[in-house]
């Protein structure tokens, strides 16, 4: 059984059934198959992170990509998503 890594960073234990790219492949396609860029997450965290990615990276349909630093630190990502 896999656990949601974003919930785990918040001290919660919840199953995760979605594989998420920490840095979205829409922003950096070179990380598509990099196993260090993958985590298991739950649906709620995946949806929250996707909304954050749209804002931070400028990803999503008809969006303009932003020139920002790639964030791969899960603790920081969780703080930024759920602040």
C-alpha atoms as a PDB file:
ATOM      1  CA  UNK A   1       0.000   0.000   0.000  1.00  0.00           C
ATOM      2  CA  UNK A   2       1.414   3.380  -0.985  1.00  0.00           C
ATOM      3  CA  UNK A   3       0.978   6.486   1.132  1.00  0.00           C
ATOM      4  CA  UNK A   4       0.340  10.053   0.023  1.00  0.00           C
ATOM      5  CA  UNK A   5       3.684  11.773   0.468  1.00  0.00           C
ATOM      6  CA  UNK A   6       2.127  15.251   0.801  1.00  0.00           C
ATOM      7  CA  UNK A   7      -0.194  14.048   3.592  1.00  0.00           C
ATOM      8  CA  UNK A   8       2.787  12.306   5.213  1.00  0.00           C
ATOM      9  CA  UNK A   9       4.680  15.623   5.281  1.00  0.00           C
ATOM     10  CA  UNK A  10       1.726  17.042   7.229  1.00  0.00           C
ATOM     11  CA  UNK A  11       1.758  14.197   9.765  1.00  0.00           C
ATOM     12  CA  UNK A  12      -1.238  12.393   8.247  1.00  0.00           C
ATOM     13  CA  UNK A  13      -1.407   8.803   7.018  1.00  0.00           C
ATOM     14  CA  UNK A  14      -3.528   8.421   3.901  1.00  0.00           C
ATOM     15  CA  UNK A  15      -3.311   6.008   0.954  1.00  0.00           C
ATOM     16  CA  UNK A  16      -2.106   7.466  -2.317  1.00  0.00           C
ATOM     17  CA  UNK A  17      -3.098   6.016  -5.670  1.00  0.00           C
ATOM     18  CA  UNK A  18      -1.799   8.691  -8.072  1.00  0.00           C
ATOM     19  CA  UNK A  19       1.800   9.040  -9.218  1.00  0.00           C
ATOM     20  CA  UNK A  20       2.668  12.742  -9.304  1.00  0.00           C
ATOM     21  CA  UNK A  21       5.604  14.474 -10.961  1.00  0.00           C
ATOM     22  CA  UNK A  22       7.091  16.740  -8.299  1.00  0.00           C
ATOM     23  CA  UNK A  23       8.197  19.200 -10.983  1.00  0.00           C
ATOM     24  CA  UNK A  24       5.477  19.056 -13.638  1.00  0.00           C
ATOM     25  CA  UNK A  25       6.585  17.547 -16.941  1.00  0.00           C
ATOM     26  CA  UNK A  26       4.723  20.373 -18.639  1.00  0.00           C
ATOM     27  CA  UNK A  27       7.367  22.667 -17.113  1.00  0.00           C
ATOM     28  CA  UNK A  28      10.410  20.391 -17.529  1.00  0.00           C
ATOM     29  CA  UNK A  29       9.851  17.410 -19.804  1.00  0.00           C
ATOM     30  CA  UNK A  30      13.375  16.097 -19.126  1.00  0.00           C
ATOM     31  CA  UNK A  31      12.112  14.931 -15.701  1.00  0.00           C
ATOM     32  CA  UNK A  32       9.350  12.749 -17.202  1.00  0.00           C
ATOM     33  CA  UNK A  33      11.066   9.424 -16.426  1.00  0.00           C
ATOM     34  CA  UNK A  34      13.313  10.529 -13.552  1.00  0.00           C
ATOM     35  CA  UNK A  35      12.285   8.360 -10.570  1.00  0.00           C
ATOM     36  CA  UNK A  36      13.443  11.058  -8.124  1.00  0.00           C
ATOM     37  CA  UNK A  37      10.747  13.326  -9.577  1.00  0.00           C
ATOM     38  CA  UNK A  38       7.891  10.940  -8.734  1.00  0.00           C
ATOM     39  CA  UNK A  39       5.795  10.572  -5.578  1.00  0.00           C
ATOM     40  CA  UNK A  40       2.569   8.800  -4.682  1.00  0.00           C
ATOM     41  CA  UNK A  41      -0.266  11.124  -3.678  1.00  0.00           C
ATOM     42  CA  UNK A  42      -3.975  11.096  -2.885  1.00  0.00           C
ATOM     43  CA  UNK A  43      -6.549  12.719  -5.152  1.00  0.00           C
ATOM     44  CA  UNK A  44      -7.109  15.716  -2.860  1.00  0.00           C
ATOM     45  CA  UNK A  45      -3.409  16.557  -2.642  1.00  0.00           C
ATOM     46  CA  UNK A  46      -2.950  16.005  -6.375  1.00  0.00           C
ATOM     47  CA  UNK A  47      -5.754  18.457  -7.129  1.00  0.00           C
ATOM     48  CA  UNK A  48      -4.356  21.027  -4.674  1.00  0.00           C
ATOM     49  CA  UNK A  49      -0.853  20.674  -6.102  1.00  0.00           C
ATOM     50  CA  UNK A  50      -2.137  21.034  -9.675  1.00  0.00           C
ATOM     51  CA  UNK A  51      -3.823  24.338  -8.733  1.00  0.00           C
ATOM     52  CA  UNK A  52      -0.581  25.499  -7.100  1.00  0.00           C
ATOM     53  CA  UNK A  53       1.462  24.483 -10.186  1.00  0.00           C
ATOM     54  CA  UNK A  54      -0.802  26.583 -12.393  1.00  0.00           C
ATOM     55  CA  UNK A  55      -0.088  29.585 -10.205  1.00  0.00           C
ATOM     56  CA  UNK A  56       3.620  28.993  -9.536  1.00  0.00           C
ATOM     57  CA  UNK A  57       4.877  27.474 -12.801  1.00  0.00           C
ATOM     58  CA  UNK A  58       2.281  28.906 -15.150  1.00  0.00           C
ATOM     59  CA  UNK A  59       1.204  25.457 -16.313  1.00  0.00           C
ATOM     60  CA  UNK A  60      -2.225  24.518 -17.561  1.00  0.00           C
ATOM     61  CA  UNK A  61      -4.219  25.068 -20.697  1.00  0.00           C
ATOM     62  CA  UNK A  62      -3.491  28.384 -22.465  1.00  0.00           C
ATOM     63  CA  UNK A  63      -1.148  29.484 -19.658  1.00  0.00           C
ATOM     64  CA  UNK A  64       2.160  31.283 -20.056  1.00  0.00           C
ATOM     65  CA  UNK A  65       5.089  29.457 -18.452  1.00  0.00           C
ATOM     66  CA  UNK A  66       6.899  31.407 -15.777  1.00  0.00           C
ATOM     67  CA  UNK A  67      10.661  31.492 -15.328  1.00  0.00           C
ATOM     68  CA  UNK A  68      10.864  30.273 -11.755  1.00  0.00           C
ATOM     69  CA  UNK A  69      13.107  27.979  -9.758  1.00  0.00           C
ATOM     70  CA  UNK A  70      12.082  24.300  -9.889  1.00  0.00           C
ATOM     71  CA  UNK A  71      11.043  23.169  -6.418  1.00  0.00           C
ATOM     72  CA  UNK A  72      11.686  19.512  -5.575  1.00  0.00           C
ATOM     73  CA  UNK A  73      11.674  19.728  -1.771  1.00  0.00           C
ATOM     74  CA  UNK A  74       8.439  18.068  -0.599  1.00  0.00           C
ATOM     75  CA  UNK A  75       8.371  19.932   2.720  1.00  0.00           C
ATOM     76  CA  UNK A  76       8.576  23.276   0.914  1.00  0.00           C
ATOM     77  CA  UNK A  77       5.969  22.282  -1.648  1.00  0.00           C
ATOM     78  CA  UNK A  78       3.555  21.263   1.108  1.00  0.00           C
ATOM     79  CA  UNK A  79       4.130  24.569   2.927  1.00  0.00           C
ATOM     80  CA  UNK A  80       3.469  26.513  -0.283  1.00  0.00           C
ATOM     81  CA  UNK A  81       0.358  24.522  -1.217  1.00  0.00           C
ATOM     82  CA  UNK A  82      -1.298  24.404   2.192  1.00  0.00           C
ATOM     83  CA  UNK A  83      -0.208  27.733   3.697  1.00  0.00           C
END
